[in-house]
Amino acid sequence: LNWHTYGSGHLHGMSAPDLHLEIALDPDALHRETQRRLSVNTGDHTQPLILERGYTATGQLDHLALRSPHRASEQHYQYDALGRMTFRTQQHSQGQGQTSPTIAYNYDKAGRLIASQHGHDAHRYPVDAAGNRSAASSSTPNATNQLAQLNGTRYRYDSAGNLIHREHESGERLTLGYDGANRLVTLTRTTQRGSTTHASYRYDGLGRRISKTVRHTDGTTATTHYGWDGDRIIREETNNQRTTVVYEPGSFVPMLRIDQGNGNEEKHLSAYITDALGTPLQLLSPNGQLRWLAEPDDWAAVKSQRAVRGVTQPIRFQGQWHDEESGLYYNRHRYYDPEQGRYISQDPIGLNGGYNLYQYAASPIMEVDPLGLSGVYGLSGSRYSQPNMVRRMSEELETSLSGGLTGQAFGGVAGVSASHNKIIAPNGAFNSSTVCWQLGAGVYAGGGGSGTLNLSSDPVSPGVSDSLGAFFSGGTGPVVA
């Protein structure tokens, strides 16, 4: 692949001679893509696939229009004064026109998604003070924000905070096992009729999943291998097929897909059509023939999928890879459960990733979490949608990892400290602890803890609210002169 840039590195196009592929990008004065033309030179003078983008005055995606010989589609978006997406529509034209229902979104004062309207279908997402999803049939989460029940599904966790058991009202069960690094390594899915599917997962030294083996109910076994470019999955390989994904440079937004059988078969090229958040909604051949199509979903990324025979599309929200055997989405450092709209294990960077260790994002309509560590603003036009996204997230991850553990050495004294541990529980409780020690002319060791209970009659919101607080602290430590 050859990437073409201009000026200080702004993307202008791409070519792949082996695939006879040419992609031309037209930028505006702010270097934002306004048109993408994809053409394959096969000698039959096929018209290019054209994708046009328009932006609001504040830089968010206003519309996206697709034109091709076999298919056309449009996406339109509206936002409120705070930049939050409030409405979206999608229209397809293939033979007869088809318009998807308008989707409307509603947020609380803290910017969390609490409701949506998909045509005639209404969805409600009540949350507690810590951002945990709740419902009338749910039990209250515990102090570490672990859900015991949601919409009739029951959950159990181990002592490290990893989900180890999930049971639906239908009787379907999911049993999960982890290694010492809290990575999912085994999984058993049991249907209500008693048939079982077993899966095992392997990781490399960087914690990236490199393979999975699934034993199906009929006794057959299938192994899938994964190839990586940094923190992005770029290759999925089975006994029958190899799939390569090309991302927009420096981002987690998929751009192209190349499928090839494990013999010497011809390579099949497809183009991703994504939404404002970078979630794939269509997979098309270079001349616009549909290979895969889906409708947007609030917490599961997509729903109502349709595809040609033999085609699956596992990419969900940015950085997520759908596992058919469990329904979970592999998300680099963790696994995401679309039924809960949250992760099944605690954040490996602790509270540097947010006050709720299981939270995916306050709003899946506005934020993404490609690394499974911390949600970031993800709508097109933001800094996280630009070509420096991977680098920026890596830098912020390094800052988070170093921020909780600091060291200093001066005048013959060395010291280490750890601090800023805080959790906001469902009832609004807050706690913090600090540990430090140093060695030098004298030896000092100490530890301490503190906590605050904050009770408020109002939901979390910007501004000032009436509250009642209490604070306590303490610490011990020997000092040797």
Protein backbone atom coordinates (compact mmCIF):
# COMPACT_ATOMS: atom_id res chain seq x y z
CA LEU A 1 0.00 0.00 0.00
CA ASN A 2 1.26 3.47 -0.87
CA TRP A 3 -0.07 6.41 1.12
CA HIS A 4 0.06 9.84 -0.56
CA THR A 5 0.36 12.99 1.55
CA TYR A 6 0.83 16.71 1.03
CA GLY A 7 2.13 19.61 3.10
CA SER A 8 2.99 18.57 6.64
CA GLY A 9 1.71 15.03 6.22
CA HIS A 10 -1.98 15.45 5.43
CA LEU A 11 -3.48 12.45 3.65
CA HIS A 12 -4.22 12.97 -0.04
CA GLY A 13 -4.78 9.44 -1.32
CA MET A 14 -3.69 5.83 -1.46
CA SER A 15 -2.74 3.31 -4.12
CA ALA A 16 -2.30 -0.45 -4.15
CA PRO A 17 -0.80 -1.59 -7.49
CA ASP A 18 -1.30 -5.29 -6.74
CA LEU A 19 -5.03 -4.66 -6.35
CA HIS A 20 -5.22 -2.10 -9.21
CA LEU A 21 -6.65 0.24 -6.58
CA GLU A 22 -6.58 4.04 -6.49
CA ILE A 23 -8.14 6.18 -3.75
CA ALA A 24 -8.17 9.97 -4.07
CA LEU A 25 -9.10 12.23 -1.15
CA ASP A 26 -10.20 15.85 -1.55
CA PRO A 27 -9.62 18.01 1.56
CA ASP A 28 -11.07 21.36 2.52
CA ALA A 29 -9.12 24.37 3.82
CA LEU A 30 -8.95 22.72 7.26
CA HIS A 31 -7.51 19.51 5.74
CA ARG A 32 -10.72 17.57 6.46
CA GLU A 33 -11.79 14.97 3.95
CA THR A 34 -14.72 16.16 1.83
CA GLN A 35 -14.69 13.53 -0.91
CA ARG A 36 -13.22 10.04 -1.31
CA ARG A 37 -13.08 8.38 -4.74
CA LEU A 38 -12.27 4.68 -4.89
CA SER A 39 -11.59 3.14 -8.29
CA VAL A 40 -10.20 -0.18 -9.48
CA ASN A 41 -8.51 -0.20 -12.88
CA THR A 42 -9.53 -3.54 -14.36
CA GLY A 43 -9.93 -2.32 -17.93
CA ASP A 44 -13.75 -2.27 -17.90
CA HIS A 45 -14.02 1.48 -17.14
CA THR A 46 -16.03 0.90 -13.98
CA GLN A 47 -17.27 4.10 -12.38
CA PRO A 48 -15.66 4.94 -9.05
CA LEU A 49 -17.25 4.62 -5.66
CA ILE A 50 -17.63 8.18 -4.32
CA LEU A 51 -18.10 9.15 -0.68
CA GLU A 52 -18.83 12.79 0.17
CA ARG A 53 -18.73 14.40 3.62
CA GLY A 54 -20.07 17.70 4.94
CA TYR A 55 -19.43 19.33 8.31
CA THR A 56 -21.22 21.63 10.71
CA ALA A 57 -19.88 25.05 11.69
CA THR A 58 -18.32 23.41 14.77
CA GLY A 59 -16.58 20.68 12.74
CA GLN A 60 -18.85 17.71 13.39
CA LEU A 61 -20.04 15.44 10.61
CA ASP A 62 -23.25 16.86 9.11
CA HIS A 63 -23.85 14.36 6.33
CA LEU A 64 -22.21 11.52 4.45
CA ALA A 65 -23.36 10.57 0.94
CA LEU A 66 -22.37 7.47 -1.05
CA ARG A 67 -22.66 7.20 -4.84
CA SER A 68 -21.77 4.12 -6.88
CA PRO A 69 -23.03 2.27 -9.98
CA HIS A 70 -25.05 -0.20 -7.88
CA ARG A 71 -25.85 1.61 -4.65
CA ALA A 72 -26.39 5.00 -3.06
CA SER A 73 -26.95 5.97 0.55
CA GLU A 74 -27.02 9.01 2.79
CA GLN A 75 -26.46 9.67 6.49
CA HIS A 76 -27.57 12.89 8.20
CA TYR A 77 -26.82 14.08 11.73
CA GLN A 78 -28.04 16.84 14.07
CA TYR A 79 -26.50 18.10 17.31
CA ASP A 80 -27.56 20.23 20.26
CA ALA A 81 -25.84 23.36 21.58
CA LEU A 82 -23.44 21.19 23.63
CA GLY A 83 -22.31 19.25 20.55
CA ARG A 84 -24.21 16.08 21.48
CA MET A 85 -25.80 14.08 18.69
CA THR A 86 -29.58 14.38 18.96
CA PHE A 87 -30.87 12.95 15.65
CA ARG A 88 -29.60 10.74 12.86
CA THR A 89 -31.16 9.29 9.71
CA GLN A 90 -29.96 6.82 7.09
CA GLN A 91 -31.34 6.26 3.60
CA HIS A 92 -30.43 3.55 1.08
CA SER A 93 -31.18 3.46 -2.64
CA GLN A 94 -30.88 0.13 -4.41
CA GLY A 95 -33.74 -0.37 -6.79
CA GLN A 96 -36.43 1.10 -4.51
CA GLY A 97 -35.41 3.69 -1.94
CA GLN A 98 -35.37 2.61 1.70
CA THR A 99 -35.20 5.00 4.64
CA SER A 100 -34.30 3.76 8.11
CA PRO A 101 -36.28 5.21 11.02
CA THR A 102 -35.00 8.46 12.46
CA ILE A 103 -33.09 7.89 15.69
CA ALA A 104 -33.35 10.44 18.51
CA TYR A 105 -31.09 10.56 21.58
CA ASN A 106 -31.61 12.02 25.05
CA TYR A 107 -28.95 12.75 27.69
CA ASP A 108 -28.88 13.66 31.37
CA LYS A 109 -27.14 16.74 32.76
CA ALA A 110 -23.85 14.82 32.99
CA GLY A 111 -23.94 13.98 29.27
CA ARG A 112 -24.84 10.30 29.77
CA LEU A 113 -27.14 8.58 27.28
CA ILE A 114 -30.39 7.81 29.10
CA ALA A 115 -32.87 7.23 26.26
CA SER A 116 -33.24 6.77 22.52
CA GLN A 117 -36.09 6.48 20.05
CA HIS A 118 -35.58 4.26 16.99
CA GLY A 119 -38.70 4.97 14.97
CA HIS A 120 -41.51 3.50 17.08
CA ASP A 121 -39.12 1.63 19.41
CA ALA A 122 -38.28 3.47 22.63
CA HIS A 123 -35.29 2.53 24.79
CA ARG A 124 -34.55 3.72 28.32
CA TYR A 125 -31.16 3.53 30.04
CA PRO A 126 -31.52 4.73 33.65
CA VAL A 127 -28.19 5.05 35.46
CA ASP A 128 -27.11 5.50 39.07
CA ALA A 129 -24.65 8.07 40.42
CA ALA A 130 -21.67 5.99 39.23
CA GLY A 131 -23.01 5.55 35.71
CA ASN A 132 -24.11 1.92 36.15
CA ARG A 133 -27.03 0.82 33.98
CA SER A 134 -30.07 -0.04 36.07
CA ALA A 135 -33.66 -1.14 35.55
CA ALA A 136 -36.73 -1.94 37.59
CA SER A 137 -35.79 -5.63 37.64
CA SER A 138 -32.17 -4.99 38.59
CA SER A 139 -30.56 -5.35 41.97
CA THR A 140 -28.37 -2.50 43.19
CA PRO A 141 -24.67 -2.70 42.16
CA ASN A 142 -22.22 -3.21 45.00
CA ALA A 143 -19.61 -0.71 46.19
CA THR A 144 -17.23 -1.67 43.37
CA ASN A 145 -19.91 -1.18 40.69
CA GLN A 146 -20.39 -4.87 39.90
CA LEU A 147 -23.86 -5.60 38.55
CA ALA A 148 -25.57 -8.57 40.17
CA GLN A 149 -28.56 -8.46 37.83
CA LEU A 150 -29.76 -6.48 34.81
CA ASN A 151 -33.01 -7.03 32.91
CA GLY A 152 -33.36 -10.55 34.30
CA THR A 153 -29.77 -11.64 33.60
CA ARG A 154 -27.68 -12.60 36.65
CA TYR A 155 -23.93 -12.01 37.04
CA ARG A 156 -21.20 -13.27 39.39
CA TYR A 157 -17.60 -12.06 39.78
CA ASP A 158 -14.39 -13.44 41.24
CA SER A 159 -12.30 -11.74 43.93
CA ALA A 160 -10.35 -9.79 41.27
CA GLY A 161 -13.53 -8.29 39.85
CA ASN A 162 -13.72 -10.47 36.71
CA LEU A 163 -17.09 -11.69 35.48
CA ILE A 164 -17.12 -15.48 35.87
CA HIS A 165 -20.79 -16.37 35.38
CA ARG A 166 -23.68 -14.95 33.38
CA GLU A 167 -27.12 -16.55 33.25
CA HIS A 168 -30.08 -15.37 31.19
CA GLU A 169 -33.71 -15.85 32.16
CA SER A 170 -33.93 -18.47 29.39
CA GLY A 171 -31.37 -20.60 31.23
CA GLU A 172 -28.48 -19.95 28.84
CA ARG A 173 -25.24 -19.73 30.80
CA LEU A 174 -21.78 -18.33 30.16
CA THR A 175 -18.86 -19.46 32.35
CA LEU A 176 -15.55 -17.61 32.07
CA GLY A 177 -12.00 -18.27 33.30
CA TYR A 178 -8.99 -15.94 33.57
CA ASP A 179 -5.22 -16.13 33.92
CA GLY A 180 -3.08 -14.33 36.50
CA ALA A 181 -3.12 -11.15 34.40
CA ASN A 182 -6.95 -11.11 34.44
CA ARG A 183 -7.14 -12.00 30.75
CA LEU A 184 -10.00 -14.18 29.54
CA VAL A 185 -8.53 -17.59 28.63
CA THR A 186 -11.45 -20.05 28.77
CA LEU A 187 -15.15 -19.80 28.09
CA THR A 188 -18.07 -22.23 28.10
CA ARG A 189 -21.48 -21.37 26.71
CA THR A 190 -24.35 -23.67 27.67
CA THR A 191 -27.72 -23.31 25.96
CA GLN A 192 -31.06 -23.83 27.67
CA ARG A 193 -31.14 -27.30 26.07
CA GLY A 194 -27.79 -28.25 27.57
CA SER A 195 -25.55 -28.16 24.49
CA THR A 196 -22.16 -26.54 25.09
CA THR A 197 -19.58 -24.53 23.17
CA HIS A 198 -16.05 -24.25 24.56
CA ALA A 199 -13.47 -21.61 23.67
CA SER A 200 -9.89 -20.88 24.68
CA TYR A 201 -7.82 -17.75 24.02
CA ARG A 202 -4.07 -17.08 23.73
CA TYR A 203 -2.14 -13.80 24.01
CA ASP A 204 1.33 -12.55 23.14
CA GLY A 205 3.81 -10.85 25.48
CA LEU A 206 2.08 -7.50 24.95
CA GLY A 207 -1.27 -8.90 26.03
CA ARG A 208 -2.70 -8.93 22.49
CA ARG A 209 -4.93 -11.84 21.57
CA ILE A 210 -3.21 -13.91 18.91
CA SER A 211 -5.55 -16.89 18.59
CA LYS A 212 -8.76 -18.49 19.73
CA THR A 213 -9.93 -22.10 19.48
CA VAL A 214 -13.64 -22.89 19.56
CA ARG A 215 -15.10 -26.38 20.00
CA HIS A 216 -18.66 -26.32 18.73
CA THR A 217 -21.65 -28.33 19.91
CA ASP A 218 -21.21 -30.82 17.04
CA GLY A 219 -17.66 -31.61 18.19
CA THR A 220 -15.87 -29.74 15.41
CA THR A 221 -13.00 -27.43 16.33
CA ALA A 222 -11.98 -24.18 14.64
CA THR A 223 -8.90 -22.06 15.35
CA THR A 224 -8.62 -18.41 14.37
CA HIS A 225 -5.31 -16.52 14.34
CA TYR A 226 -4.87 -12.74 14.56
CA GLY A 227 -2.18 -10.41 13.24
CA TRP A 228 -1.49 -6.99 14.67
CA ASP A 229 -0.18 -3.56 13.72
CA GLY A 230 0.51 -1.99 17.10
CA ASP A 231 -2.83 -2.04 18.92
CA ARG A 232 -4.96 -2.72 15.83
CA ILE A 233 -6.03 -6.12 14.52
CA ILE A 234 -5.17 -6.17 10.82
CA ARG A 235 -5.38 -9.90 10.02
CA GLU A 236 -7.83 -12.67 10.84
CA GLU A 237 -6.96 -16.11 9.49
CA THR A 238 -8.83 -19.41 9.63
CA ASN A 239 -8.27 -22.71 7.86
CA ASN A 240 -10.29 -21.44 4.91
CA GLN A 241 -9.73 -17.70 4.64
CA ARG A 242 -7.45 -14.77 5.35
CA THR A 243 -8.97 -11.35 5.97
CA THR A 244 -6.84 -8.20 6.07
CA VAL A 245 -8.17 -4.87 7.34
CA VAL A 246 -6.70 -1.51 6.30
CA TYR A 247 -7.45 1.37 8.66
CA GLU A 248 -7.48 5.08 8.04
CA PRO A 249 -3.91 6.15 8.89
CA GLY A 250 -3.29 6.70 12.57
CA SER A 251 -6.82 5.73 13.61
CA PHE A 252 -9.00 2.74 14.50
CA VAL A 253 -11.55 3.48 11.76
CA PRO A 254 -11.59 0.65 9.15
CA MET A 255 -11.21 1.73 5.53
CA LEU A 256 -10.66 -1.37 3.34
CA ARG A 257 -10.93 -5.13 3.64
CA ILE A 258 -9.13 -7.76 1.57
CA ASP A 259 -10.39 -11.36 1.60
CA GLN A 260 -8.49 -14.29 0.16
CA GLY A 261 -8.82 -18.05 0.40
CA ASN A 262 -5.93 -20.00 1.84
CA GLY A 263 -5.07 -21.33 -1.61
CA ASN A 264 -4.01 -19.04 -4.43
CA GLU A 265 -7.48 -17.66 -5.02
CA GLU A 266 -8.14 -14.14 -6.17
CA LYS A 267 -8.18 -11.34 -3.62
CA HIS A 268 -11.57 -9.73 -3.01
CA LEU A 269 -11.53 -6.05 -2.11
CA SER A 270 -14.26 -4.32 -0.09
CA ALA A 271 -14.73 -0.79 1.24
CA TYR A 272 -16.12 0.06 4.67
CA ILE A 273 -18.77 2.75 4.99
CA THR A 274 -18.75 3.98 8.58
CA ASP A 275 -20.87 6.43 10.56
CA ALA A 276 -19.87 9.60 12.41
CA LEU A 277 -18.36 7.53 15.22
CA GLY A 278 -16.31 5.27 12.93
CA THR A 279 -18.61 2.25 13.31
CA PRO A 280 -18.98 0.15 10.11
CA LEU A 281 -22.52 0.13 8.70
CA GLN A 282 -21.83 -1.14 5.15
CA LEU A 283 -19.29 -3.29 3.36
CA LEU A 284 -19.25 -2.78 -0.41
CA SER A 285 -17.39 -4.08 -3.43
CA PRO A 286 -15.47 -1.42 -5.45
CA ASN A 287 -18.45 -0.99 -7.81
CA GLY A 288 -20.90 -0.59 -4.94
CA GLN A 289 -22.39 -4.08 -4.67
CA LEU A 290 -23.53 -4.77 -1.13
CA ARG A 291 -21.65 -7.43 0.84
CA TRP A 292 -22.78 -6.56 4.38
CA LEU A 293 -25.25 -4.08 5.88
CA ALA A 294 -26.36 -3.19 9.41
CA GLU A 295 -28.40 -0.63 11.32
CA PRO A 296 -26.87 1.37 14.19
CA ASP A 297 -27.53 0.26 17.77
CA ASP A 298 -27.00 2.25 20.95
CA TRP A 299 -24.82 -0.11 23.02
CA ALA A 300 -24.24 -3.06 20.65
CA ALA A 301 -22.91 -0.85 17.80
CA VAL A 302 -24.96 -2.63 15.11
CA LYS A 303 -28.15 -4.66 14.72
CA SER A 304 -30.33 -6.12 11.94
CA GLN A 305 -27.33 -7.37 9.96
CA ARG A 306 -27.68 -8.63 6.39
CA ALA A 307 -24.88 -10.14 4.33
CA VAL A 308 -24.18 -12.17 1.22
CA ARG A 309 -23.46 -15.83 1.78
CA GLY A 310 -20.17 -16.53 3.55
CA VAL A 311 -19.46 -12.94 4.63
CA THR A 312 -19.20 -11.93 8.28
CA GLN A 313 -18.14 -8.52 9.56
CA PRO A 314 -16.83 -8.64 13.17
CA ILE A 315 -15.76 -4.99 13.71
CA ARG A 316 -18.09 -3.09 16.03
CA PHE A 317 -17.23 0.18 17.83
CA GLN A 318 -13.67 1.32 17.15
CA GLY A 319 -11.16 -1.27 18.37
CA GLN A 320 -13.80 -3.97 19.02
CA TRP A 321 -13.96 -7.45 17.46
CA HIS A 322 -17.13 -9.54 17.82
CA ASP A 323 -16.82 -13.11 19.12
CA GLU A 324 -19.69 -15.21 17.83
CA GLU A 325 -19.18 -17.95 20.42
CA SER A 326 -19.91 -15.63 23.36
CA GLY A 327 -21.52 -12.48 21.99
CA LEU A 328 -18.73 -10.47 23.68
CA TYR A 329 -16.54 -7.94 21.85
CA TYR A 330 -12.78 -8.30 22.24
CA ASN A 331 -11.49 -4.76 22.93
CA ARG A 332 -7.66 -5.01 23.16
CA HIS A 333 -7.14 -4.97 26.96
CA ARG A 334 -10.60 -6.19 27.93
CA TYR A 335 -13.87 -7.70 26.69
CA TYR A 336 -17.01 -5.63 26.23
CA ASP A 337 -20.49 -6.99 26.93
CA PRO A 338 -23.04 -5.25 24.66
CA GLU A 339 -25.92 -6.53 26.82
CA GLN A 340 -24.59 -4.60 29.82
CA GLY A 341 -22.98 -1.80 27.81
CA ARG A 342 -19.83 -2.19 29.92
CA TYR A 343 -16.70 -4.30 30.35
CA ILE A 344 -16.63 -7.68 32.08
CA SER A 345 -13.43 -6.94 34.05
CA GLN A 346 -11.93 -3.97 35.84
CA ASP A 347 -9.80 -1.36 34.10
CA PRO A 348 -6.13 -2.50 34.03
CA ILE A 349 -4.98 1.12 34.51
CA GLY A 350 -7.26 1.43 37.52
CA LEU A 351 -8.85 4.76 38.27
CA ASN A 352 -6.67 6.57 35.74
CA GLY A 353 -9.23 5.30 33.24
CA GLY A 354 -12.22 6.74 35.11
CA TYR A 355 -14.08 6.51 38.40
CA ASN A 356 -16.09 3.43 37.34
CA LEU A 357 -13.73 0.52 36.62
CA TYR A 358 -16.27 -1.24 34.37
CA GLN A 359 -17.59 1.69 32.35
CA TYR A 360 -17.21 1.72 28.57
CA ALA A 361 -18.36 5.29 27.95
CA ALA A 362 -20.85 7.73 29.38
CA SER A 363 -22.41 7.89 25.92
CA PRO A 364 -21.68 5.28 23.22
CA ILE A 365 -23.10 7.79 20.74
CA MET A 366 -20.34 10.31 21.50
CA GLU A 367 -17.35 8.34 22.79
CA VAL A 368 -15.15 5.39 21.82
CA ASP A 369 -12.61 3.29 23.73
CA PRO A 370 -10.41 1.50 21.15
CA LEU A 371 -7.94 0.20 23.76
CA GLY A 372 -10.41 -0.90 26.41
CA LEU A 373 -8.88 1.54 28.90
CA SER A 374 -10.56 4.93 28.78
CA GLY A 375 -13.33 6.47 26.71
CA VAL A 376 -12.50 9.42 24.44
CA TYR A 377 -14.61 11.79 22.37
CA GLY A 378 -14.92 10.09 19.02
CA LEU A 379 -17.21 11.99 16.65
CA SER A 380 -15.74 12.93 13.27
CA GLY A 381 -14.02 16.28 13.36
CA SER A 382 -12.66 15.82 16.88
CA ARG A 383 -8.97 15.38 17.52
CA TYR A 384 -9.45 11.65 18.19
CA SER A 385 -10.84 11.09 14.71
CA GLN A 386 -7.84 12.63 13.02
CA PRO A 387 -4.76 10.72 11.76
CA ASN A 388 -2.87 11.19 15.05
CA MET A 389 -5.36 9.24 17.15
CA VAL A 390 -3.20 6.17 17.79
CA ARG A 391 -0.20 8.27 18.77
CA ARG A 392 -2.23 10.53 21.05
CA MET A 393 -3.89 7.60 22.80
CA SER A 394 -0.53 5.88 23.29
CA GLU A 395 0.90 9.05 24.84
CA GLU A 396 -2.12 9.43 27.12
CA LEU A 397 -1.88 5.76 28.13
CA GLU A 398 1.79 6.21 29.06
CA THR A 399 0.84 9.27 31.11
CA SER A 400 -1.89 7.32 32.89
CA LEU A 401 0.39 4.41 33.67
CA SER A 402 3.13 6.67 35.05
CA GLY A 403 0.79 9.04 36.86
CA GLY A 404 -0.15 6.53 39.54
CA LEU A 405 3.43 5.59 40.41
CA THR A 406 6.16 8.22 40.74
CA GLY A 407 9.78 8.09 41.82
CA GLN A 408 12.41 10.61 42.81
CA ALA A 409 16.09 10.53 43.78
CA PHE A 410 18.03 13.49 45.14
CA GLY A 411 20.58 14.08 47.92
CA GLY A 412 21.03 10.38 48.49
CA VAL A 413 17.31 9.83 49.01
CA ALA A 414 15.14 7.62 46.82
CA GLY A 415 11.39 7.53 47.08
CA VAL A 416 8.35 5.92 45.56
CA SER A 417 4.76 7.00 46.02
CA ALA A 418 1.39 5.83 44.82
CA SER A 419 -1.71 7.93 45.10
CA HIS A 420 -5.02 9.09 43.67
CA ASN A 421 -7.09 5.95 44.14
CA LYS A 422 -10.75 6.83 43.98
CA ILE A 423 -13.99 5.06 43.27
CA ILE A 424 -17.45 6.56 43.04
CA ALA A 425 -19.91 3.92 44.16
CA PRO A 426 -23.58 3.74 43.11
CA ASN A 427 -24.66 5.65 46.23
CA GLY A 428 -22.15 8.45 45.60
CA ALA A 429 -19.52 7.25 48.09
CA PHE A 430 -15.93 8.22 47.32
CA ASN A 431 -12.72 6.76 48.74
CA SER A 432 -9.00 7.38 48.29
CA SER A 433 -5.74 5.93 49.57
CA THR A 434 -2.05 6.86 49.45
CA VAL A 435 1.07 4.77 50.11
CA CYS A 436 4.66 6.07 50.07
CA TRP A 437 8.13 5.15 51.24
CA GLN A 438 11.69 6.40 50.77
CA LEU A 439 15.18 5.19 51.49
CA GLY A 440 18.23 7.35 52.12
CA ALA A 441 20.01 8.87 55.10
CA GLY A 442 16.91 7.88 56.99
CA VAL A 443 14.31 5.25 56.26
CA TYR A 444 10.67 6.20 56.13
CA ALA A 445 7.69 4.01 55.43
CA GLY A 446 4.10 5.06 55.66
CA GLY A 447 0.60 4.43 54.55
CA GLY A 448 -2.68 6.20 54.75
CA GLY A 449 -6.25 6.16 53.67
CA SER A 450 -9.06 8.59 53.33
CA GLY A 451 -12.64 8.61 52.28
CA THR A 452 -15.48 10.95 51.62
CA LEU A 453 -19.19 10.29 51.62
CA ASN A 454 -21.06 12.73 49.44
CA LEU A 455 -24.84 12.62 49.50
CA SER A 456 -26.83 14.84 47.18
CA SER A 457 -30.48 15.12 46.33
CA ASP A 458 -29.64 16.05 42.73
CA PRO A 459 -28.13 13.92 39.93
CA VAL A 460 -24.57 14.61 38.87
CA SER A 461 -24.56 17.76 36.78
CA PRO A 462 -22.40 20.77 35.95
CA GLY A 463 -22.63 23.63 38.40
CA VAL A 464 -23.33 23.73 42.13
CA SER A 465 -25.60 21.36 44.03
CA ASP A 466 -26.54 21.00 47.68
CA SER A 467 -24.69 18.13 49.33
CA LEU A 468 -23.72 16.67 52.67
CA GLY A 469 -20.15 15.46 53.12
CA ALA A 470 -17.99 13.63 55.62
CA PHE A 471 -14.21 13.08 55.60
CA PHE A 472 -11.91 10.75 57.49
CA SER A 473 -8.21 9.91 57.21
CA GLY A 474 -5.43 8.07 58.97
CA GLY A 475 -1.97 6.59 58.56
CA THR A 476 0.87 4.76 60.25
CA GLY A 477 4.58 4.32 59.65
CA PRO A 478 7.93 3.83 61.41
CA VAL A 479 10.72 6.35 61.03
CA VAL A 480 14.36 5.31 61.46
CA ALA A 481 16.87 8.18 61.85
